[in-house]
């Protein structure tokens, strides 16, 4: 009789420890989500709204460090004037920031 009661007790402990072994994994995923995934999604959303708001005449900077004025904005490409009479074509995704008006004049 003593063997049966100890077997039931061992079974109850193992099922509880099995559930508790997943708790650290769930906690690590929650921390990963709030520290890495959520901020990255927020930055991606801000970049999409920045690209959607691009218009002719905006002064922008690119990922490569070029600063210029948008002369033409299409669906996926833009024309950027980097110097007087010098225009280049870029993908919209290369734009990293819209600068305040008059930034190019001060450079």
C-alpha atoms as a PDB file:
ATOM      1  CA  UNK A   1       0.000   0.000   0.000  1.00  0.00           C
ATOM      2  CA  UNK A   2       2.851   2.358   0.685  1.00  0.00           C
ATOM      3  CA  UNK A   3       4.174   1.843  -2.884  1.00  0.00           C
ATOM      4  CA  UNK A   4       0.903   3.013  -4.432  1.00  0.00           C
ATOM      5  CA  UNK A   5       0.714   6.215  -2.455  1.00  0.00           C
ATOM      6  CA  UNK A   6       4.318   7.141  -3.280  1.00  0.00           C
ATOM      7  CA  UNK A   7       3.678   6.459  -6.986  1.00  0.00           C
ATOM      8  CA  UNK A   8       0.695   8.803  -6.992  1.00  0.00           C
ATOM      9  CA  UNK A   9       2.741  11.442  -5.226  1.00  0.00           C
ATOM     10  CA  UNK A  10       5.569  11.138  -7.762  1.00  0.00           C
ATOM     11  CA  UNK A  11       3.106  11.432 -10.655  1.00  0.00           C
ATOM     12  CA  UNK A  12       1.593  14.602  -9.166  1.00  0.00           C
ATOM     13  CA  UNK A  13       5.030  16.180  -8.731  1.00  0.00           C
ATOM     14  CA  UNK A  14       6.144  15.356 -12.292  1.00  0.00           C
ATOM     15  CA  UNK A  15       3.016  16.862 -13.877  1.00  0.00           C
ATOM     16  CA  UNK A  16       3.459  20.042 -11.875  1.00  0.00           C
ATOM     17  CA  UNK A  17       7.160  20.344 -12.719  1.00  0.00           C
ATOM     18  CA  UNK A  18       6.373  19.762 -16.421  1.00  0.00           C
ATOM     19  CA  UNK A  19       4.084  22.796 -16.392  1.00  0.00           C
ATOM     20  CA  UNK A  20       6.597  24.852 -14.446  1.00  0.00           C
ATOM     21  CA  UNK A  21       9.363  24.023 -16.951  1.00  0.00           C
ATOM     22  CA  UNK A  22       7.499  25.988 -19.658  1.00  0.00           C
ATOM     23  CA  UNK A  23       7.126  29.084 -17.487  1.00  0.00           C
ATOM     24  CA  UNK A  24      10.705  30.382 -18.029  1.00  0.00           C
ATOM     25  CA  UNK A  25      10.332  29.849 -21.784  1.00  0.00           C
ATOM     26  CA  UNK A  26       7.116  31.864 -21.837  1.00  0.00           C
ATOM     27  CA  UNK A  27       8.695  34.598 -19.718  1.00  0.00           C
ATOM     28  CA  UNK A  28      11.723  34.798 -22.042  1.00  0.00           C
ATOM     29  CA  UNK A  29       9.454  35.154 -25.079  1.00  0.00           C
ATOM     30  CA  UNK A  30       7.507  37.946 -23.378  1.00  0.00           C
ATOM     31  CA  UNK A  31      10.707  39.820 -22.544  1.00  0.00           C
ATOM     32  CA  UNK A  32      12.014  39.310 -26.095  1.00  0.00           C
ATOM     33  CA  UNK A  33       8.753  40.651 -27.523  1.00  0.00           C
ATOM     34  CA  UNK A  34       8.723  43.831 -25.416  1.00  0.00           C
ATOM     35  CA  UNK A  35      12.458  44.569 -25.727  1.00  0.00           C
ATOM     36  CA  UNK A  36      13.155  43.676 -29.374  1.00  0.00           C
ATOM     37  CA  UNK A  37      10.142  42.879 -31.539  1.00  0.00           C
ATOM     38  CA  UNK A  38       7.687  45.593 -30.490  1.00  0.00           C
ATOM     39  CA  UNK A  39      10.125  48.559 -30.821  1.00  0.00           C
ATOM     40  CA  UNK A  40      11.261  47.289 -34.235  1.00  0.00           C
ATOM     41  CA  UNK A  41       7.653  47.104 -35.431  1.00  0.00           C
ATOM     42  CA  UNK A  42       7.095  50.666 -34.176  1.00  0.00           C
ATOM     43  CA  UNK A  43      10.177  51.967 -36.071  1.00  0.00           C
ATOM     44  CA  UNK A  44       9.061  50.164 -39.222  1.00  0.00           C
ATOM     45  CA  UNK A  45       5.609  51.755 -39.004  1.00  0.00           C
ATOM     46  CA  UNK A  46       7.134  55.233 -38.506  1.00  0.00           C
ATOM     47  CA  UNK A  47       9.394  54.721 -41.548  1.00  0.00           C
ATOM     48  CA  UNK A  48       6.404  53.684 -43.697  1.00  0.00           C
ATOM     49  CA  UNK A  49       4.508  56.850 -42.713  1.00  0.00           C
ATOM     50  CA  UNK A  50       7.617  58.948 -43.428  1.00  0.00           C
ATOM     51  CA  UNK A  51       7.903  57.460 -46.924  1.00  0.00           C
ATOM     52  CA  UNK A  52       4.187  57.923 -47.564  1.00  0.00           C
ATOM     53  CA  UNK A  53       4.425  61.611 -46.657  1.00  0.00           C
ATOM     54  CA  UNK A  54       7.318  62.404 -49.030  1.00  0.00           C
ATOM     55  CA  UNK A  55       6.463  65.235 -51.388  1.00  0.00           C
ATOM     56  CA  UNK A  56       8.177  67.406 -53.962  1.00  0.00           C
ATOM     57  CA  UNK A  57      10.358  70.030 -52.287  1.00  0.00           C
ATOM     58  CA  UNK A  58      11.120  68.035 -49.122  1.00  0.00           C
ATOM     59  CA  UNK A  59      14.734  68.042 -48.014  1.00  0.00           C
ATOM     60  CA  UNK A  60      15.812  64.545 -47.026  1.00  0.00           C
ATOM     61  CA  UNK A  61      18.798  62.478 -46.026  1.00  0.00           C
ATOM     62  CA  UNK A  62      19.532  58.975 -47.324  1.00  0.00           C
ATOM     63  CA  UNK A  63      20.972  55.891 -45.716  1.00  0.00           C
ATOM     64  CA  UNK A  64      24.246  56.571 -47.524  1.00  0.00           C
ATOM     65  CA  UNK A  65      24.511  60.071 -46.061  1.00  0.00           C
ATOM     66  CA  UNK A  66      23.421  62.099 -49.086  1.00  0.00           C
ATOM     67  CA  UNK A  67      21.357  65.201 -48.449  1.00  0.00           C
ATOM     68  CA  UNK A  68      19.112  66.550 -51.161  1.00  0.00           C
ATOM     69  CA  UNK A  69      15.774  67.977 -52.239  1.00  0.00           C
ATOM     70  CA  UNK A  70      13.033  65.772 -53.681  1.00  0.00           C
ATOM     71  CA  UNK A  71      12.190  66.905 -57.209  1.00  0.00           C
ATOM     72  CA  UNK A  72       9.903  64.041 -58.174  1.00  0.00           C
ATOM     73  CA  UNK A  73       8.221  61.379 -56.019  1.00  0.00           C
ATOM     74  CA  UNK A  74       6.827  58.201 -57.526  1.00  0.00           C
ATOM     75  CA  UNK A  75       5.425  55.024 -56.057  1.00  0.00           C
ATOM     76  CA  UNK A  76       8.770  53.292 -55.428  1.00  0.00           C
ATOM     77  CA  UNK A  77      11.416  55.736 -56.730  1.00  0.00           C
ATOM     78  CA  UNK A  78      12.211  59.405 -56.157  1.00  0.00           C
ATOM     79  CA  UNK A  79      14.403  61.942 -57.946  1.00  0.00           C
ATOM     80  CA  UNK A  80      16.722  63.749 -55.587  1.00  0.00           C
ATOM     81  CA  UNK A  81      18.626  66.963 -56.398  1.00  0.00           C
ATOM     82  CA  UNK A  82      21.915  66.758 -54.488  1.00  0.00           C
ATOM     83  CA  UNK A  83      23.485  69.848 -56.082  1.00  0.00           C
ATOM     84  CA  UNK A  84      22.294  72.505 -58.493  1.00  0.00           C
ATOM     85  CA  UNK A  85      21.589  70.679 -61.756  1.00  0.00           C
ATOM     86  CA  UNK A  86      22.620  67.256 -60.387  1.00  0.00           C
ATOM     87  CA  UNK A  87      19.787  64.787 -59.872  1.00  0.00           C
ATOM     88  CA  UNK A  88      19.862  61.122 -58.937  1.00  0.00           C
ATOM     89  CA  UNK A  89      17.172  58.454 -58.807  1.00  0.00           C
ATOM     90  CA  UNK A  90      16.781  56.500 -55.572  1.00  0.00           C
ATOM     91  CA  UNK A  91      14.447  53.936 -54.124  1.00  0.00           C
ATOM     92  CA  UNK A  92      12.115  55.469 -51.574  1.00  0.00           C
ATOM     93  CA  UNK A  93      13.278  53.000 -48.951  1.00  0.00           C
ATOM     94  CA  UNK A  94      16.755  54.633 -49.009  1.00  0.00           C
ATOM     95  CA  UNK A  95      15.326  57.765 -47.363  1.00  0.00           C
ATOM     96  CA  UNK A  96      15.973  57.818 -43.624  1.00  0.00           C
ATOM     97  CA  UNK A  97      14.745  61.252 -42.521  1.00  0.00           C
ATOM     98  CA  UNK A  98      12.985  64.397 -43.688  1.00  0.00           C
ATOM     99  CA  UNK A  99      14.998  67.468 -42.749  1.00  0.00           C
ATOM    100  CA  UNK A 100      13.630  70.880 -41.765  1.00  0.00           C
ATOM    101  CA  UNK A 101      13.167  73.354 -44.613  1.00  0.00           C
ATOM    102  CA  UNK A 102      16.278  75.401 -45.354  1.00  0.00           C
ATOM    103  CA  UNK A 103      18.748  72.787 -44.168  1.00  0.00           C
ATOM    104  CA  UNK A 104      20.466  72.586 -47.569  1.00  0.00           C
ATOM    105  CA  UNK A 105      20.988  76.352 -47.698  1.00  0.00           C
ATOM    106  CA  UNK A 106      22.949  76.286 -44.452  1.00  0.00           C
ATOM    107  CA  UNK A 107      25.297  73.544 -45.672  1.00  0.00           C
END
